[in-house]
Amino acid sequence: MRGEALCCLGKMVAIAFAAALSACGGPSVPAPDLVGSRDLPSSEPGQTSLDAPSDVASLPTERTDAYDPFEKMNRAMFEQNQRFDHAVIYPLAQAYSDDVPQPVRTSIKNFVSNLAQPIVFANDVLQLRLGAAATTAGRFAVNSTVGLAGLSDVATRQNLPQQSGDFGQTLYVWGVRKSPYIIMPLIGPTNLRDLFGTTVDSVASIPAGNLLPTDIVTTANDVAVAGTIASPLTKLDEVGDMRELEDSSLDFYAMLRSVVEQQRQAELQEAVENSGWTAPRYGYNPETRLPVAGVEPFALGPAPGGPSQDFMSNALQAFKE
């Protein structure tokens, strides 16, 4: 029994090392072309997916397509990423699924998700989604203690569901709306706004070593290293869904782009509907789920009263121009 456990542990370490290499060695970087897969609806019990958006105010165009002005270049990069997926990622994912039991894979996913909760909380606050921020704080407190450092998702069973919240979403709430769809080498499908937001989130997650006692910093760094190693494994666990999507698609590029965009727009729409910044400013009618006539979908709304809010609006307008 002990020999089998050691063998399984050895396989997990080998797979984690290979998966980390496939993710370019960076912290919490998803496997190739799997940025979109994180946005696919969750199939885990107790988690409900968001409906696709129906209001054109939150969409890049009146169609459901992504804003893809670089499609020719994106398709070329997509083909290169797909060749890497078939040669490296798909075999790794199969080995991970075969050699690591489902309960262990679920615990790894819960652990990585819990590490992201402080960043989700910070972005919910920046978006003035105070209800989501309170829920996220409760999730982190419950799962970090009762859930054994996040290995068990106790919070969802306590009616504290997972909330969305990242800096790309925050920029959208602040007024940075239309952003071109791009395919990045190895990283996969995203857009310029979300790529910048992911970079900011990654930098913000680095512990402030000079502000904390040495023993706390050491523990935080150890946990961060564990999360960096485990994060690619959570992406390997989603490859099966991606392969099924690819097998059922005549044009996998267009299908994946549509799925990624619709799910992402659902998250953005949720933020716009519940943000204290945007709810009173963008002419959005919550009853009809449609924009009020005469409101430009991509323009900043009129600045509310107050010097600090005037400054924020002017700064964002200058950034867009």
Protein backbone atom coordinates (compact mmCIF):
# COMPACT_ATOMS: atom_id res chain seq x y z
CA MET A 1 0.00 0.00 0.00
CA ARG A 2 2.79 2.39 0.91
CA GLY A 3 4.62 1.53 -2.30
CA GLU A 4 1.54 2.33 -4.38
CA ALA A 5 1.10 5.68 -2.61
CA LEU A 6 4.73 6.61 -3.27
CA CYS A 7 4.37 5.59 -6.90
CA CYS A 8 1.25 7.76 -7.29
CA LEU A 9 3.00 10.69 -5.60
CA GLY A 10 5.96 10.32 -7.91
CA LYS A 11 3.74 10.40 -10.96
CA MET A 12 1.98 13.53 -9.68
CA VAL A 13 5.32 15.29 -9.17
CA ALA A 14 6.46 14.36 -12.67
CA ILE A 15 3.20 15.51 -14.24
CA ALA A 16 3.24 18.75 -12.25
CA PHE A 17 6.79 19.47 -13.39
CA ALA A 18 5.91 18.85 -17.03
CA ALA A 19 2.71 20.88 -16.76
CA ALA A 20 4.61 23.76 -15.20
CA LEU A 21 7.05 23.69 -18.10
CA SER A 22 4.16 23.74 -20.55
CA ALA A 23 2.85 26.85 -18.79
CA CYS A 24 6.15 28.67 -19.43
CA GLY A 25 7.19 28.36 -15.82
CA GLY A 26 5.29 31.49 -14.75
CA PRO A 27 3.08 31.68 -11.65
CA SER A 28 -0.51 30.61 -12.22
CA VAL A 29 -0.23 30.66 -16.02
CA PRO A 30 -2.80 28.33 -17.63
CA ALA A 31 -1.84 25.65 -20.08
CA PRO A 32 -1.95 26.49 -23.81
CA ASP A 33 -5.34 27.53 -25.15
CA LEU A 34 -6.92 26.90 -21.76
CA VAL A 35 -7.53 30.48 -20.76
CA GLY A 36 -10.86 30.02 -22.46
CA SER A 37 -11.50 26.78 -20.64
CA ARG A 38 -11.43 28.51 -17.26
CA ASP A 39 -14.41 30.52 -18.48
CA LEU A 40 -16.44 27.50 -19.48
CA PRO A 41 -19.43 26.73 -17.25
CA SER A 42 -18.49 24.62 -14.27
CA SER A 43 -19.84 21.09 -14.10
CA GLU A 44 -19.18 20.70 -10.39
CA PRO A 45 -22.23 20.34 -8.13
CA GLY A 46 -23.31 23.43 -6.28
CA GLN A 47 -21.91 25.83 -8.88
CA THR A 48 -24.24 27.56 -11.29
CA SER A 49 -23.06 29.14 -14.51
CA LEU A 50 -24.06 32.59 -15.66
CA ASP A 51 -26.49 32.98 -18.54
CA ALA A 52 -25.14 34.35 -21.79
CA PRO A 53 -25.47 38.15 -21.99
CA SER A 54 -28.50 39.62 -23.73
CA ASP A 55 -27.91 43.37 -23.46
CA VAL A 56 -25.87 44.92 -26.26
CA ALA A 57 -24.51 47.56 -23.89
CA SER A 58 -22.07 45.04 -22.51
CA LEU A 59 -21.10 43.47 -25.84
CA PRO A 60 -18.29 44.56 -28.18
CA THR A 61 -20.72 44.64 -31.14
CA GLU A 62 -24.41 43.97 -31.71
CA ARG A 63 -23.46 40.45 -32.76
CA THR A 64 -22.38 37.75 -30.34
CA ASP A 65 -18.98 37.49 -32.02
CA ALA A 66 -15.82 38.73 -30.37
CA TYR A 67 -14.11 41.86 -31.68
CA ASP A 68 -11.44 40.08 -33.73
CA PRO A 69 -9.61 42.55 -36.02
CA PHE A 70 -6.47 40.35 -36.04
CA GLU A 71 -8.20 37.12 -37.07
CA LYS A 72 -5.67 36.10 -39.71
CA MET A 73 -2.75 36.45 -37.29
CA ASN A 74 -4.78 34.86 -34.49
CA ARG A 75 -5.64 31.80 -36.57
CA ALA A 76 -1.97 31.25 -37.42
CA MET A 77 -1.00 31.41 -33.74
CA PHE A 78 -3.97 29.23 -32.82
CA GLU A 79 -2.73 26.50 -35.18
CA GLN A 80 0.71 26.58 -33.58
CA ASN A 81 -0.78 26.32 -30.12
CA GLN A 82 -2.98 23.42 -31.22
CA ARG A 83 0.03 21.48 -32.48
CA PHE A 84 1.67 21.95 -29.08
CA ASP A 85 -1.55 20.88 -27.34
CA HIS A 86 -1.77 17.65 -29.31
CA ALA A 87 1.90 16.84 -28.84
CA VAL A 88 2.27 17.76 -25.16
CA ILE A 89 -0.83 18.92 -23.30
CA TYR A 90 -3.32 16.25 -24.32
CA PRO A 91 -1.01 13.35 -23.34
CA LEU A 92 -0.21 15.10 -20.03
CA ALA A 93 -3.90 15.57 -19.33
CA GLN A 94 -4.61 11.91 -20.05
CA ALA A 95 -1.82 10.82 -17.70
CA TYR A 96 -3.08 13.17 -14.99
CA SER A 97 -6.62 11.84 -15.33
CA ASP A 98 -5.49 8.21 -15.30
CA ASP A 99 -2.97 8.38 -12.46
CA VAL A 100 -4.47 10.90 -10.03
CA PRO A 101 -7.79 10.05 -8.32
CA GLN A 102 -10.70 12.44 -8.80
CA PRO A 103 -10.90 13.44 -5.08
CA VAL A 104 -7.23 14.49 -5.21
CA ARG A 105 -7.78 16.49 -8.39
CA THR A 106 -10.78 18.23 -6.81
CA SER A 107 -8.74 19.13 -3.71
CA ILE A 108 -5.97 20.60 -5.87
CA LYS A 109 -8.52 22.69 -7.77
CA ASN A 110 -10.10 23.92 -4.52
CA PHE A 111 -6.68 24.81 -3.09
CA VAL A 112 -5.69 26.88 -6.15
CA SER A 113 -9.09 28.61 -6.22
CA ASN A 114 -8.78 29.56 -2.55
CA LEU A 115 -5.38 31.17 -3.13
CA ALA A 116 -7.01 33.51 -5.67
CA GLN A 117 -9.70 34.77 -3.29
CA PRO A 118 -7.75 37.82 -1.96
CA ILE A 119 -7.34 39.11 -5.53
CA VAL A 120 -11.03 38.45 -6.25
CA PHE A 121 -11.93 40.36 -3.06
CA ALA A 122 -9.72 43.33 -3.99
CA ASN A 123 -11.27 43.60 -7.45
CA ASP A 124 -14.81 43.30 -6.10
CA VAL A 125 -14.03 46.26 -3.81
CA LEU A 126 -12.55 48.25 -6.70
CA GLN A 127 -15.76 47.56 -8.65
CA LEU A 128 -17.93 48.65 -5.68
CA ARG A 129 -19.56 45.21 -5.62
CA LEU A 130 -19.63 45.11 -1.85
CA GLY A 131 -21.96 42.12 -1.62
CA ALA A 132 -19.61 40.05 -3.79
CA ALA A 133 -16.64 41.27 -1.74
CA ALA A 134 -18.30 40.20 1.51
CA THR A 135 -19.13 36.77 0.08
CA THR A 136 -15.54 36.34 -1.14
CA ALA A 137 -14.13 37.31 2.25
CA GLY A 138 -16.43 34.79 3.90
CA ARG A 139 -15.39 32.08 1.41
CA PHE A 140 -11.71 32.68 2.09
CA ALA A 141 -12.16 32.65 5.87
CA VAL A 142 -14.24 29.46 5.87
CA ASN A 143 -12.20 27.49 3.33
CA SER A 144 -8.85 28.55 4.80
CA THR A 145 -9.84 27.27 8.24
CA VAL A 146 -12.63 24.69 8.21
CA GLY A 147 -11.72 23.75 4.65
CA LEU A 148 -8.13 22.91 5.59
CA ALA A 149 -6.30 25.66 3.67
CA GLY A 150 -8.82 25.45 0.86
CA LEU A 151 -8.49 21.74 0.09
CA SER A 152 -12.23 21.38 0.71
CA ASP A 153 -14.81 23.84 -0.61
CA VAL A 154 -16.88 24.09 2.56
CA ALA A 155 -17.98 27.65 1.73
CA THR A 156 -20.11 26.66 -1.26
CA ARG A 157 -22.06 24.26 0.94
CA GLN A 158 -22.56 27.17 3.36
CA ASN A 159 -24.24 29.30 0.66
CA LEU A 160 -21.09 31.31 -0.08
CA PRO A 161 -20.71 30.72 -3.84
CA GLN A 162 -17.67 31.54 -5.92
CA GLN A 163 -17.66 35.15 -7.14
CA SER A 164 -16.06 36.61 -10.24
CA GLY A 165 -13.46 39.35 -9.86
CA ASP A 166 -10.27 40.18 -11.77
CA PHE A 167 -8.58 43.37 -12.90
CA GLY A 168 -9.65 42.91 -16.51
CA GLN A 169 -13.24 42.91 -15.27
CA THR A 170 -12.47 45.94 -13.11
CA LEU A 171 -11.17 47.85 -16.13
CA TYR A 172 -14.37 46.97 -17.98
CA VAL A 173 -16.50 48.35 -15.14
CA TRP A 174 -14.38 51.51 -15.10
CA GLY A 175 -15.06 52.08 -18.80
CA VAL A 176 -12.40 50.21 -20.81
CA ARG A 177 -14.93 48.35 -22.94
CA LYS A 178 -14.02 47.39 -26.51
CA SER A 179 -10.83 45.32 -26.61
CA PRO A 180 -9.46 43.20 -29.47
CA TYR A 181 -9.48 39.42 -29.20
CA ILE A 182 -5.99 37.93 -29.44
CA ILE A 183 -4.35 34.50 -29.33
CA MET A 184 -1.14 34.53 -27.32
CA PRO A 185 1.66 31.96 -27.74
CA LEU A 186 1.03 29.10 -25.29
CA ILE A 187 -1.38 31.20 -23.17
CA GLY A 188 -4.17 31.03 -25.74
CA PRO A 189 -7.31 33.14 -26.26
CA THR A 190 -7.77 36.40 -24.38
CA ASN A 191 -8.00 40.13 -25.21
CA LEU A 192 -5.69 43.07 -24.60
CA ARG A 193 -7.67 44.38 -21.63
CA ASP A 194 -7.77 41.00 -19.89
CA LEU A 195 -4.11 40.29 -20.70
CA PHE A 196 -3.12 43.52 -18.96
CA GLY A 197 -5.50 42.71 -16.11
CA THR A 198 -4.01 39.25 -15.62
CA THR A 199 -0.53 40.79 -15.43
CA VAL A 200 -1.66 43.25 -12.77
CA ASP A 201 -3.37 40.47 -10.76
CA SER A 202 -0.21 38.34 -10.92
CA VAL A 203 2.02 41.17 -9.72
CA ALA A 204 -0.44 42.12 -6.97
CA SER A 205 -0.45 38.57 -5.64
CA ILE A 206 3.27 38.72 -4.78
CA PRO A 207 3.62 38.93 -0.96
CA ALA A 208 4.89 42.25 0.38
CA GLY A 209 7.94 40.80 2.11
CA ASN A 210 9.12 44.04 3.67
CA LEU A 211 5.79 44.62 5.43
CA LEU A 212 5.38 41.26 7.16
CA PRO A 213 7.32 39.30 9.79
CA THR A 214 9.85 36.82 8.40
CA ASP A 215 8.02 33.69 9.57
CA ILE A 216 4.76 34.85 7.97
CA VAL A 217 6.54 35.68 4.72
CA THR A 218 8.20 32.25 4.67
CA THR A 219 4.86 30.50 5.12
CA ALA A 220 3.22 32.71 2.51
CA ASN A 221 5.99 31.98 0.02
CA ASP A 222 5.73 28.23 0.64
CA VAL A 223 1.99 28.36 0.00
CA ALA A 224 2.52 30.49 -3.12
CA VAL A 225 5.05 27.98 -4.48
CA ALA A 226 2.60 25.15 -3.86
CA GLY A 227 -0.08 27.12 -5.71
CA THR A 228 2.26 27.82 -8.63
CA ILE A 229 2.99 24.10 -8.99
CA ALA A 230 -0.64 23.06 -8.57
CA SER A 231 -2.18 25.67 -10.89
CA PRO A 232 -1.19 24.00 -14.18
CA LEU A 233 -2.67 20.74 -12.90
CA THR A 234 -6.10 22.34 -12.61
CA LYS A 235 -5.89 23.26 -16.30
CA LEU A 236 -4.95 19.69 -17.23
CA ASP A 237 -8.14 18.56 -15.52
CA GLU A 238 -10.15 20.66 -18.00
CA VAL A 239 -8.53 19.39 -21.20
CA GLY A 240 -11.14 16.65 -21.64
CA ASP A 241 -13.88 19.25 -22.15
CA MET A 242 -11.69 21.09 -24.64
CA ARG A 243 -11.05 17.93 -26.65
CA GLU A 244 -14.78 17.21 -26.80
CA LEU A 245 -15.41 20.75 -28.01
CA GLU A 246 -12.72 20.38 -30.65
CA ASP A 247 -14.07 17.02 -31.85
CA SER A 248 -17.58 18.43 -32.23
CA SER A 249 -16.55 21.62 -34.07
CA LEU A 250 -16.21 22.18 -37.81
CA ASP A 251 -14.28 25.38 -37.04
CA PHE A 252 -12.71 24.99 -33.61
CA TYR A 253 -11.20 28.48 -33.69
CA ALA A 254 -14.60 30.13 -34.22
CA MET A 255 -16.34 27.82 -31.74
CA LEU A 256 -13.81 28.41 -28.97
CA ARG A 257 -13.84 32.16 -29.62
CA SER A 258 -17.62 32.21 -29.29
CA VAL A 259 -17.66 30.13 -26.09
CA VAL A 260 -14.89 32.18 -24.48
CA GLU A 261 -16.50 35.49 -25.43
CA GLN A 262 -20.03 34.61 -24.33
CA GLN A 263 -18.95 33.32 -20.95
CA ARG A 264 -16.62 36.26 -20.38
CA GLN A 265 -19.33 38.73 -21.35
CA ALA A 266 -21.66 37.05 -18.85
CA GLU A 267 -19.11 37.75 -16.09
CA LEU A 268 -18.66 41.34 -17.28
CA GLN A 269 -22.42 41.88 -17.46
CA GLU A 270 -22.81 40.60 -13.92
CA ALA A 271 -20.25 43.14 -12.72
CA VAL A 272 -21.90 46.02 -14.61
CA GLU A 273 -25.33 45.14 -13.21
CA ASN A 274 -24.11 45.07 -9.61
CA SER A 275 -21.37 47.70 -9.53
CA GLY A 276 -21.92 50.91 -7.63
CA TRP A 277 -19.95 52.67 -10.37
CA THR A 278 -22.04 51.62 -13.36
CA ALA A 279 -25.56 50.78 -12.19
CA PRO A 280 -26.69 54.43 -12.02
CA ARG A 281 -24.51 55.69 -14.89
CA TYR A 282 -24.91 53.66 -18.06
CA GLY A 283 -28.62 53.87 -18.77
CA TYR A 284 -29.05 50.16 -18.04
CA ASN A 285 -32.60 48.95 -17.41
CA PRO A 286 -32.46 45.92 -15.06
CA GLU A 287 -36.07 44.97 -15.81
CA THR A 288 -35.71 44.67 -19.58
CA ARG A 289 -31.94 43.81 -19.46
CA LEU A 290 -31.47 46.32 -22.32
CA PRO A 291 -29.67 49.66 -22.59
CA VAL A 292 -31.73 52.83 -22.42
CA ALA A 293 -32.16 54.52 -25.82
CA GLY A 294 -29.56 57.14 -26.64
CA VAL A 295 -26.77 55.68 -24.49
CA GLU A 296 -23.55 54.92 -26.36
CA PRO A 297 -22.51 51.35 -25.36
CA PHE A 298 -18.77 52.06 -25.24
CA ALA A 299 -18.74 55.63 -23.95
CA LEU A 300 -18.05 56.50 -20.34
CA GLY A 301 -21.20 57.49 -18.53
CA PRO A 302 -21.61 61.00 -17.11
CA ALA A 303 -19.34 61.50 -14.15
CA PRO A 304 -21.16 61.53 -10.81
CA GLY A 305 -20.69 64.34 -8.33
CA GLY A 306 -17.59 64.61 -6.22
CA PRO A 307 -13.99 65.60 -7.06
CA SER A 308 -12.54 62.10 -6.61
CA GLN A 309 -15.07 60.52 -8.96
CA ASP A 310 -14.57 63.36 -11.48
CA PHE A 311 -10.84 62.65 -11.42
CA MET A 312 -11.40 58.91 -11.99
CA SER A 313 -13.72 59.57 -14.95
CA ASN A 314 -11.31 62.06 -16.58
CA ALA A 315 -8.34 59.70 -16.08
CA LEU A 316 -10.18 56.78 -17.70
CA GLN A 317 -11.33 58.94 -20.61
CA ALA A 318 -7.73 60.03 -21.22
CA PHE A 319 -6.60 56.38 -21.06
CA LYS A 320 -9.15 55.38 -23.71
CA GLU A 321 -8.18 58.24 -26.02
